[in-house]
Amino acid sequence: MNEGVQRNTLYVGGLAEEVNEHILHAAFIPFGDIKDVKTPLDHATQKHRSFGFVTFLEREDAAAAMDNMDGAELYGRVLTVNYALPERIKGGEHGWAAQPIWADADTWFERQQQEQEMQRLQAEQRAAMQAAEELHRKKLAEERQGETEEADANEDPMAKAEAEVLKQNAGA
């Protein structure tokens, strides 16, 4: 899978409001020894945010728990269980200062350049599409103009006579 994936920590999503860390621990303990269970709280409501993390001591236990609990039901809600991705800047145990703020600067600049390039390409593509549409409109207008002239020539007896004279002169 991804290199940054923590293979012994599982993300458990879709938790019911009634589920707390003790219940989550009890639901996952049959698969092996658990090192830690966390359900991050929403600071405004002081309730968990309907997901949690279960860290096993052994990777094999985490894999077995994920295989068995993904899609399982707990308190009437279907669980989503995947390997957890590590937190980046807010770094759990280390607090907010786990990484310096500039640690992600290079990738940020790369993303900005990629976004600008995408916007430039999209603008070019839009301009090309507009030019193609305009060319198509002009072509249709010319065709309609030609049809109108032909129709006018077919209806007007003088125009018919002139067209016949022109054809005879061209042939002679």
N, C-alpha and C. Protein backbone atom coordinates (compact mmCIF):
# COMPACT_ATOMS: atom_id res chain seq x y z
N MET A 1 0.84 -1.20 0.00
CA MET A 1 0.00 0.00 0.00
C MET A 1 0.87 1.24 0.00
N ASN A 2 0.45 2.32 0.64
CA ASN A 2 1.25 3.54 0.71
C ASN A 2 2.37 3.37 1.73
N GLU A 3 3.49 4.08 1.48
CA GLU A 3 4.61 3.97 2.41
C GLU A 3 4.29 4.57 3.77
N GLY A 4 3.48 5.64 3.81
CA GLY A 4 3.20 6.32 5.06
C GLY A 4 2.16 5.62 5.92
N VAL A 5 1.61 4.52 5.45
CA VAL A 5 0.55 3.83 6.18
C VAL A 5 1.14 3.17 7.43
N GLN A 6 0.42 3.33 8.55
CA GLN A 6 0.83 2.67 9.78
C GLN A 6 0.10 1.33 9.83
N ARG A 7 0.80 0.26 9.67
CA ARG A 7 0.18 -1.05 9.49
C ARG A 7 -0.35 -1.67 10.79
N ASN A 8 -0.07 -1.08 11.92
CA ASN A 8 -0.65 -1.64 13.15
C ASN A 8 -1.67 -0.70 13.78
N THR A 9 -1.95 0.44 13.11
CA THR A 9 -2.99 1.37 13.58
C THR A 9 -4.11 1.38 12.56
N LEU A 10 -5.32 1.19 13.05
CA LEU A 10 -6.48 1.15 12.18
C LEU A 10 -7.35 2.39 12.38
N TYR A 11 -7.84 2.90 11.27
CA TYR A 11 -8.85 3.96 11.29
C TYR A 11 -10.20 3.24 11.32
N VAL A 12 -11.08 3.64 12.25
CA VAL A 12 -12.41 3.04 12.35
C VAL A 12 -13.42 4.18 12.19
N GLY A 13 -14.13 4.18 11.07
CA GLY A 13 -15.09 5.23 10.77
C GLY A 13 -16.51 4.73 10.88
N GLY A 14 -17.44 5.68 11.01
CA GLY A 14 -18.86 5.34 11.08
C GLY A 14 -19.33 4.97 12.47
N LEU A 15 -18.65 5.47 13.50
CA LEU A 15 -19.02 5.13 14.88
C LEU A 15 -20.31 5.84 15.29
N ALA A 16 -21.15 5.10 16.00
CA ALA A 16 -22.36 5.68 16.56
C ALA A 16 -21.99 6.59 17.73
N GLU A 17 -22.89 7.51 18.06
CA GLU A 17 -22.64 8.45 19.15
C GLU A 17 -22.38 7.75 20.49
N GLU A 18 -23.04 6.60 20.70
CA GLU A 18 -22.92 5.90 21.99
C GLU A 18 -21.57 5.23 22.18
N VAL A 19 -20.84 5.01 21.10
CA VAL A 19 -19.57 4.28 21.18
C VAL A 19 -18.51 5.17 21.81
N ASN A 20 -17.84 4.62 22.83
CA ASN A 20 -16.72 5.34 23.45
C ASN A 20 -15.46 4.48 23.30
N GLU A 21 -14.36 4.91 23.88
CA GLU A 21 -13.10 4.19 23.73
C GLU A 21 -13.18 2.80 24.35
N HIS A 22 -13.91 2.63 25.44
CA HIS A 22 -14.04 1.32 26.09
C HIS A 22 -14.79 0.34 25.19
N ILE A 23 -15.87 0.81 24.59
CA ILE A 23 -16.65 -0.05 23.69
C ILE A 23 -15.83 -0.41 22.46
N LEU A 24 -15.11 0.56 21.91
CA LEU A 24 -14.27 0.32 20.74
C LEU A 24 -13.18 -0.70 21.08
N HIS A 25 -12.59 -0.56 22.27
CA HIS A 25 -11.57 -1.51 22.74
C HIS A 25 -12.17 -2.91 22.82
N ALA A 26 -13.36 -3.02 23.41
CA ALA A 26 -14.01 -4.32 23.58
C ALA A 26 -14.35 -4.95 22.22
N ALA A 27 -14.70 -4.13 21.24
CA ALA A 27 -15.05 -4.66 19.92
C ALA A 27 -13.84 -5.21 19.18
N PHE A 28 -12.65 -4.65 19.45
CA PHE A 28 -11.46 -5.05 18.69
C PHE A 28 -10.51 -5.98 19.45
N ILE A 29 -10.70 -6.16 20.75
CA ILE A 29 -9.80 -6.99 21.55
C ILE A 29 -9.78 -8.46 21.12
N PRO A 30 -10.85 -9.01 20.54
CA PRO A 30 -10.77 -10.42 20.12
C PRO A 30 -9.70 -10.70 19.06
N PHE A 31 -9.21 -9.66 18.40
CA PHE A 31 -8.25 -9.88 17.32
C PHE A 31 -6.79 -9.80 17.78
N GLY A 32 -6.54 -9.36 19.01
CA GLY A 32 -5.17 -9.32 19.51
C GLY A 32 -4.98 -8.23 20.55
N ASP A 33 -3.75 -8.16 21.07
CA ASP A 33 -3.44 -7.17 22.10
C ASP A 33 -3.45 -5.76 21.51
N ILE A 34 -4.16 -4.88 22.24
CA ILE A 34 -4.32 -3.50 21.78
C ILE A 34 -3.41 -2.60 22.59
N LYS A 35 -2.67 -1.76 21.90
CA LYS A 35 -1.77 -0.81 22.54
C LYS A 35 -2.50 0.47 22.93
N ASP A 36 -3.41 0.95 22.04
CA ASP A 36 -4.05 2.23 22.29
C ASP A 36 -5.36 2.34 21.51
N VAL A 37 -6.32 3.05 22.09
CA VAL A 37 -7.59 3.36 21.43
C VAL A 37 -7.86 4.84 21.62
N LYS A 38 -8.15 5.54 20.53
CA LYS A 38 -8.44 6.98 20.62
C LYS A 38 -9.67 7.30 19.78
N THR A 39 -10.51 8.17 20.33
CA THR A 39 -11.64 8.73 19.59
C THR A 39 -11.53 10.25 19.71
N PRO A 40 -10.98 10.91 18.71
CA PRO A 40 -10.78 12.36 18.77
C PRO A 40 -12.11 13.09 19.00
N LEU A 41 -12.07 14.09 19.87
CA LEU A 41 -13.28 14.83 20.22
C LEU A 41 -13.43 16.09 19.38
N ASP A 42 -14.68 16.43 19.12
CA ASP A 42 -15.02 17.71 18.51
C ASP A 42 -15.02 18.71 19.66
N HIS A 43 -14.21 19.73 19.57
CA HIS A 43 -14.07 20.68 20.68
C HIS A 43 -15.38 21.41 20.97
N ALA A 44 -16.19 21.64 19.99
CA ALA A 44 -17.44 22.38 20.19
C ALA A 44 -18.46 21.55 20.96
N THR A 45 -18.62 20.27 20.59
CA THR A 45 -19.66 19.44 21.20
C THR A 45 -19.14 18.52 22.29
N GLN A 46 -17.82 18.36 22.37
CA GLN A 46 -17.18 17.45 23.32
C GLN A 46 -17.62 15.99 23.10
N LYS A 47 -18.03 15.67 21.87
CA LYS A 47 -18.36 14.29 21.49
C LYS A 47 -17.36 13.87 20.43
N HIS A 48 -17.19 12.55 20.29
CA HIS A 48 -16.26 12.11 19.26
C HIS A 48 -16.82 12.43 17.88
N ARG A 49 -15.94 12.46 16.89
CA ARG A 49 -16.31 12.91 15.54
C ARG A 49 -16.68 11.73 14.64
N SER A 50 -17.25 10.68 15.21
CA SER A 50 -17.72 9.46 14.54
C SER A 50 -16.61 8.64 13.89
N PHE A 51 -15.39 8.81 14.39
CA PHE A 51 -14.31 7.92 13.99
C PHE A 51 -13.33 7.78 15.14
N GLY A 52 -12.49 6.75 15.04
CA GLY A 52 -11.50 6.51 16.07
C GLY A 52 -10.32 5.74 15.50
N PHE A 53 -9.32 5.51 16.36
CA PHE A 53 -8.13 4.78 15.96
C PHE A 53 -7.86 3.68 16.97
N VAL A 54 -7.53 2.50 16.46
CA VAL A 54 -7.17 1.37 17.32
C VAL A 54 -5.77 0.94 16.91
N THR A 55 -4.84 0.95 17.86
CA THR A 55 -3.46 0.55 17.58
C THR A 55 -3.19 -0.79 18.24
N PHE A 56 -2.82 -1.77 17.42
CA PHE A 56 -2.49 -3.11 17.90
C PHE A 56 -0.98 -3.21 18.12
N LEU A 57 -0.58 -4.17 18.98
CA LEU A 57 0.84 -4.41 19.19
C LEU A 57 1.45 -5.11 17.97
N GLU A 58 0.68 -5.98 17.33
CA GLU A 58 1.17 -6.76 16.20
C GLU A 58 0.45 -6.37 14.91
N ARG A 59 1.19 -6.32 13.81
CA ARG A 59 0.61 -5.98 12.52
C ARG A 59 -0.40 -7.03 12.07
N GLU A 60 -0.10 -8.29 12.34
CA GLU A 60 -0.99 -9.37 11.92
C GLU A 60 -2.36 -9.24 12.59
N ASP A 61 -2.36 -8.82 13.86
CA ASP A 61 -3.62 -8.63 14.58
C ASP A 61 -4.43 -7.50 13.95
N ALA A 62 -3.74 -6.42 13.58
CA ALA A 62 -4.42 -5.29 12.93
C ALA A 62 -5.02 -5.73 11.59
N ALA A 63 -4.27 -6.52 10.84
CA ALA A 63 -4.77 -7.00 9.54
C ALA A 63 -6.01 -7.88 9.73
N ALA A 64 -5.97 -8.76 10.74
CA ALA A 64 -7.12 -9.63 11.01
C ALA A 64 -8.33 -8.81 11.44
N ALA A 65 -8.11 -7.80 12.27
CA ALA A 65 -9.20 -6.95 12.73
C ALA A 65 -9.81 -6.18 11.56
N MET A 66 -8.96 -5.68 10.68
CA MET A 66 -9.46 -4.93 9.53
C MET A 66 -10.28 -5.86 8.63
N ASP A 67 -9.76 -7.05 8.35
CA ASP A 67 -10.48 -8.00 7.49
C ASP A 67 -11.85 -8.35 8.06
N ASN A 68 -11.93 -8.50 9.38
CA ASN A 68 -13.17 -8.94 10.00
C ASN A 68 -14.13 -7.80 10.35
N MET A 69 -13.62 -6.63 10.64
CA MET A 69 -14.48 -5.55 11.13
C MET A 69 -14.90 -4.54 10.06
N ASP A 70 -14.21 -4.50 8.92
CA ASP A 70 -14.61 -3.58 7.86
C ASP A 70 -15.96 -4.04 7.31
N GLY A 71 -16.96 -3.18 7.40
CA GLY A 71 -18.31 -3.53 6.97
C GLY A 71 -19.16 -4.16 8.07
N ALA A 72 -18.56 -4.39 9.24
CA ALA A 72 -19.32 -4.97 10.36
C ALA A 72 -20.21 -3.89 10.97
N GLU A 73 -21.18 -4.31 11.77
CA GLU A 73 -22.11 -3.38 12.38
C GLU A 73 -21.80 -3.26 13.87
N LEU A 74 -21.83 -2.01 14.38
CA LEU A 74 -21.62 -1.76 15.81
C LEU A 74 -22.61 -0.67 16.21
N TYR A 75 -23.50 -1.00 17.13
CA TYR A 75 -24.55 -0.08 17.58
C TYR A 75 -25.37 0.42 16.40
N GLY A 76 -25.68 -0.48 15.47
CA GLY A 76 -26.55 -0.15 14.35
C GLY A 76 -25.90 0.63 13.23
N ARG A 77 -24.61 0.85 13.30
CA ARG A 77 -23.90 1.59 12.24
C ARG A 77 -22.86 0.69 11.59
N VAL A 78 -22.71 0.80 10.29
CA VAL A 78 -21.73 0.00 9.56
C VAL A 78 -20.37 0.68 9.66
N LEU A 79 -19.37 -0.09 10.07
CA LEU A 79 -18.03 0.44 10.28
C LEU A 79 -17.21 0.42 8.99
N THR A 80 -16.34 1.40 8.86
CA THR A 80 -15.33 1.43 7.81
C THR A 80 -13.99 1.30 8.52
N VAL A 81 -13.25 0.24 8.20
CA VAL A 81 -11.98 0.00 8.88
C VAL A 81 -10.88 -0.10 7.83
N ASN A 82 -9.88 0.78 7.96
CA ASN A 82 -8.72 0.83 7.05
C ASN A 82 -7.47 1.05 7.88
N TYR A 83 -6.31 0.86 7.22
CA TYR A 83 -5.07 1.25 7.87
C TYR A 83 -5.06 2.77 8.02
N ALA A 84 -4.59 3.25 9.16
CA ALA A 84 -4.56 4.69 9.42
C ALA A 84 -3.37 5.33 8.74
N LEU A 85 -3.57 6.55 8.25
CA LEU A 85 -2.47 7.34 7.72
C LEU A 85 -1.92 8.19 8.87
N PRO A 86 -0.62 8.38 8.94
CA PRO A 86 -0.06 9.14 10.05
C PRO A 86 -0.46 10.60 9.97
N GLU A 87 -0.61 11.22 11.14
CA GLU A 87 -0.91 12.65 11.17
C GLU A 87 0.33 13.39 10.72
N ARG A 88 0.14 14.48 10.02
CA ARG A 88 1.29 15.18 9.46
C ARG A 88 1.81 16.26 10.40
N ILE A 89 1.19 17.39 10.45
CA ILE A 89 1.77 18.49 11.22
C ILE A 89 1.30 18.50 12.66
N LYS A 90 0.04 18.10 12.92
CA LYS A 90 -0.46 18.17 14.29
C LYS A 90 0.12 17.08 15.16
N GLY A 91 0.90 16.20 14.65
CA GLY A 91 1.64 15.13 15.28
C GLY A 91 1.23 14.61 16.64
N GLY A 92 0.06 14.12 16.88
CA GLY A 92 -0.39 13.40 18.06
C GLY A 92 0.33 13.68 19.35
N GLU A 93 1.27 12.82 19.72
CA GLU A 93 1.97 12.92 21.01
C GLU A 93 2.87 14.15 21.08
N HIS A 94 3.36 14.60 19.94
CA HIS A 94 4.31 15.71 19.93
C HIS A 94 3.64 17.07 19.90
N GLY A 95 2.34 17.11 19.77
CA GLY A 95 1.63 18.39 19.74
C GLY A 95 1.78 19.09 18.40
N TRP A 96 1.53 20.39 18.40
CA TRP A 96 1.53 21.17 17.16
C TRP A 96 2.92 21.34 16.56
N ALA A 97 3.95 21.21 17.35
CA ALA A 97 5.29 21.51 16.86
C ALA A 97 6.05 20.27 16.41
N ALA A 98 5.35 19.26 15.93
CA ALA A 98 6.02 18.04 15.50
C ALA A 98 6.91 18.30 14.30
N GLN A 99 6.52 19.21 13.44
CA GLN A 99 7.31 19.57 12.27
C GLN A 99 7.36 21.08 12.17
N PRO A 100 8.48 21.61 11.69
CA PRO A 100 8.50 23.05 11.47
C PRO A 100 7.52 23.42 10.35
N ILE A 101 7.03 24.62 10.39
CA ILE A 101 6.02 25.04 9.42
C ILE A 101 6.55 25.03 8.00
N TRP A 102 7.84 25.19 7.82
CA TRP A 102 8.41 25.23 6.47
C TRP A 102 8.75 23.84 5.94
N ALA A 103 8.54 22.79 6.74
CA ALA A 103 8.90 21.43 6.32
C ALA A 103 8.15 21.00 5.06
N ASP A 104 6.97 21.53 4.87
CA ASP A 104 6.14 21.13 3.73
C ASP A 104 6.19 22.17 2.61
N ALA A 105 7.10 23.14 2.71
CA ALA A 105 7.13 24.26 1.77
C ALA A 105 7.40 23.81 0.34
N ASP A 106 8.36 22.90 0.13
CA ASP A 106 8.69 22.49 -1.23
C ASP A 106 7.49 21.85 -1.93
N THR A 107 6.82 20.96 -1.24
CA THR A 107 5.67 20.32 -1.87
C THR A 107 4.55 21.33 -2.08
N TRP A 108 4.42 22.32 -1.20
CA TRP A 108 3.39 23.35 -1.37
C TRP A 108 3.67 24.14 -2.65
N PHE A 109 4.94 24.55 -2.85
CA PHE A 109 5.29 25.29 -4.05
C PHE A 109 5.07 24.44 -5.31
N GLU A 110 5.41 23.16 -5.23
CA GLU A 110 5.18 22.27 -6.37
C GLU A 110 3.70 22.19 -6.69
N ARG A 111 2.86 22.04 -5.65
CA ARG A 111 1.41 21.98 -5.88
C ARG A 111 0.90 23.28 -6.50
N GLN A 112 1.42 24.43 -6.02
CA GLN A 112 1.00 25.71 -6.58
C GLN A 112 1.38 25.81 -8.05
N GLN A 113 2.61 25.38 -8.38
CA GLN A 113 3.05 25.41 -9.78
C GLN A 113 2.19 24.49 -10.64
N GLN A 114 1.88 23.32 -10.11
CA GLN A 114 1.04 22.38 -10.86
C GLN A 114 -0.36 22.96 -11.08
N GLU A 115 -0.92 23.59 -10.05
CA GLU A 115 -2.24 24.21 -10.20
C GLU A 115 -2.22 25.33 -11.23
N GLN A 116 -1.15 26.15 -11.20
CA GLN A 116 -1.05 27.24 -12.18
C GLN A 116 -0.92 26.68 -13.59
N GLU A 117 -0.12 25.63 -13.75
CA GLU A 117 0.05 24.99 -15.06
C GLU A 117 -1.28 24.42 -15.54
N MET A 118 -2.03 23.77 -14.64
CA MET A 118 -3.34 23.22 -15.01
C MET A 118 -4.29 24.34 -15.43
N GLN A 119 -4.29 25.44 -14.70
CA GLN A 119 -5.15 26.56 -15.05
C GLN A 119 -4.77 27.14 -16.41
N ARG A 120 -3.45 27.23 -16.68
CA ARG A 120 -2.99 27.74 -17.97
C ARG A 120 -3.43 26.81 -19.10
N LEU A 121 -3.25 25.51 -18.90
CA LEU A 121 -3.65 24.53 -19.91
C LEU A 121 -5.17 24.56 -20.15
N GLN A 122 -5.93 24.69 -19.06
CA GLN A 122 -7.38 24.76 -19.21
C GLN A 122 -7.79 26.02 -19.96
N ALA A 123 -7.11 27.15 -19.70
CA ALA A 123 -7.42 28.39 -20.41
C ALA A 123 -7.09 28.24 -21.89
N GLU A 124 -5.94 27.61 -22.21
CA GLU A 124 -5.58 27.38 -23.61
C GLU A 124 -6.62 26.49 -24.29
N GLN A 125 -7.03 25.45 -23.57
CA GLN A 125 -8.01 24.53 -24.13
C GLN A 125 -9.34 25.24 -24.39
N ARG A 126 -9.77 26.08 -23.42
CA ARG A 126 -11.00 26.84 -23.61
C ARG A 126 -10.89 27.76 -24.83
N ALA A 127 -9.73 28.44 -24.97
CA ALA A 127 -9.53 29.35 -26.10
C ALA A 127 -9.57 28.57 -27.42
N ALA A 128 -8.93 27.41 -27.45
CA ALA A 128 -8.94 26.59 -28.66
C ALA A 128 -10.36 26.13 -28.99
N MET A 129 -11.11 25.75 -27.98
CA MET A 129 -12.49 25.31 -28.20
C MET A 129 -13.34 26.47 -28.72
N GLN A 130 -13.14 27.65 -28.16
CA GLN A 130 -13.90 28.81 -28.62
C GLN A 130 -13.55 29.15 -30.07
N ALA A 131 -12.25 29.06 -30.42
CA ALA A 131 -11.83 29.34 -31.79
C ALA A 131 -12.44 28.32 -32.75
N ALA A 132 -12.44 27.05 -32.34
CA ALA A 132 -13.02 26.00 -33.18
C ALA A 132 -14.52 26.22 -33.36
N GLU A 133 -15.20 26.60 -32.28
CA GLU A 133 -16.64 26.87 -32.37
C GLU A 133 -16.91 28.06 -33.29
N GLU A 134 -16.09 29.10 -33.19
CA GLU A 134 -16.25 30.29 -34.02
C GLU A 134 -16.04 29.93 -35.49
N LEU A 135 -15.01 29.14 -35.77
CA LEU A 135 -14.74 28.69 -37.13
C LEU A 135 -15.91 27.88 -37.67
N HIS A 136 -16.44 27.01 -36.83
CA HIS A 136 -17.59 26.19 -37.22
C HIS A 136 -18.81 27.07 -37.53
N ARG A 137 -19.04 28.07 -36.68
CA ARG A 137 -20.16 28.99 -36.90
C ARG A 137 -20.00 29.74 -38.23
N LYS A 138 -18.76 30.22 -38.52
CA LYS A 138 -18.51 30.94 -39.76
C LYS A 138 -18.77 30.03 -40.96
N LYS A 139 -18.32 28.78 -40.86
CA LYS A 139 -18.51 27.84 -41.95
C LYS A 139 -19.99 27.59 -42.19
N LEU A 140 -20.75 27.41 -41.10
CA LEU A 140 -22.19 27.22 -41.25
C LEU A 140 -22.85 28.45 -41.86
N ALA A 141 -22.42 29.63 -41.44
CA ALA A 141 -22.99 30.88 -41.97
C ALA A 141 -22.70 30.99 -43.46
N GLU A 142 -21.47 30.64 -43.87
CA GLU A 142 -21.11 30.68 -45.29
C GLU A 142 -21.96 29.70 -46.09
N GLU A 143 -22.15 28.50 -45.54
CA GLU A 143 -22.97 27.50 -46.22
C GLU A 143 -24.41 27.99 -46.36
N ARG A 144 -24.93 28.58 -45.29
CA ARG A 144 -26.29 29.11 -45.34
C ARG A 144 -26.39 30.25 -46.35
N GLN A 145 -25.36 31.10 -46.41
CA GLN A 145 -25.34 32.22 -47.36
C GLN A 145 -25.34 31.68 -48.79
N GLY A 146 -24.54 30.62 -49.03
CA GLY A 146 -24.50 30.00 -50.35
C GLY A 146 -25.84 29.40 -50.71
N GLU A 147 -26.49 28.76 -49.75
CA GLU A 147 -27.81 28.17 -50.01
C GLU A 147 -28.83 29.26 -50.32
N THR A 148 -28.73 30.37 -49.62
CA THR A 148 -29.66 31.48 -49.84
C THR A 148 -29.46 32.04 -51.24
N GLU A 149 -28.20 32.20 -51.68
CA GLU A 149 -27.92 32.73 -53.01
C GLU A 149 -28.45 31.80 -54.08
N GLU A 150 -28.26 30.49 -53.88
CA GLU A 150 -28.77 29.51 -54.83
C GLU A 150 -30.30 29.57 -54.89
N ALA A 151 -30.89 29.65 -53.72
CA ALA A 151 -32.36 29.71 -53.66
C ALA A 151 -32.85 30.97 -54.36
N ASP A 152 -32.18 32.10 -54.12
CA ASP A 152 -32.56 33.35 -54.76
C ASP A 152 -32.42 33.23 -56.27
N ALA A 153 -31.33 32.60 -56.71
CA ALA A 153 -31.09 32.45 -58.15
C ALA A 153 -32.16 31.56 -58.77
N ASN A 154 -32.60 30.52 -58.06
CA ASN A 154 -33.62 29.61 -58.58
C ASN A 154 -34.98 30.28 -58.67
N GLU A 155 -35.27 31.21 -57.79
CA GLU A 155 -36.57 31.86 -57.75
C GLU A 155 -36.66 33.05 -58.72
N ASP A 156 -35.57 33.73 -58.94
CA ASP A 156 -35.56 34.95 -59.76
C ASP A 156 -35.29 34.57 -61.23
N PRO A 157 -36.26 34.84 -62.15
CA PRO A 157 -36.05 34.46 -63.55
C PRO A 157 -34.88 35.20 -64.21
N MET A 158 -34.64 36.44 -63.81
CA MET A 158 -33.51 37.20 -64.37
C MET A 158 -32.19 36.58 -63.92
N ALA A 159 -32.16 36.16 -62.64
CA ALA A 159 -30.94 35.55 -62.11
C ALA A 159 -30.69 34.24 -62.82
N LYS A 160 -31.76 33.50 -63.15
CA LYS A 160 -31.61 32.24 -63.87
C LYS A 160 -31.03 32.50 -65.25
N ALA A 161 -31.55 33.50 -65.91
CA ALA A 161 -31.07 33.83 -67.26
C ALA A 161 -29.61 34.25 -67.21
N GLU A 162 -29.24 35.07 -66.22
CA GLU A 162 -27.84 35.50 -66.09
C GLU A 162 -26.93 34.31 -65.84
N ALA A 163 -27.38 33.38 -64.99
CA ALA A 163 -26.57 32.21 -64.68
C ALA A 163 -26.38 31.34 -65.93
N GLU A 164 -27.42 31.23 -66.76
CA GLU A 164 -27.30 30.44 -67.99
C GLU A 164 -26.34 31.09 -68.96
N VAL A 165 -26.40 32.42 -69.08
CA VAL A 165 -25.51 33.15 -69.98
C VAL A 165 -24.07 32.97 -69.51
N LEU A 166 -23.86 33.06 -68.20
CA LEU A 166 -22.50 32.89 -67.65
C LEU A 166 -21.99 31.49 -67.95
N LYS A 167 -22.84 30.49 -67.82
CA LYS A 167 -22.42 29.11 -68.10
C LYS A 167 -22.07 28.95 -69.59
N GLN A 168 -22.87 29.56 -70.46
CA GLN A 168 -22.61 29.45 -71.91
C GLN A 168 -21.30 30.16 -72.27
N ASN A 169 -21.08 31.32 -71.68
CA ASN A 169 -19.85 32.06 -71.97
C ASN A 169 -18.62 31.32 -71.43
N ALA A 170 -18.79 30.66 -70.31
CA ALA A 170 -17.67 29.90 -69.72
C ALA A 170 -17.37 28.70 -70.59
N GLY A 171 -18.39 28.10 -71.19
CA GLY A 171 -18.21 26.92 -72.02
C GLY A 171 -17.62 27.27 -73.37
N ALA A 172 -17.83 28.50 -73.87
CA ALA A 172 -17.40 28.88 -75.22
C ALA A 172 -15.98 29.32 -75.30
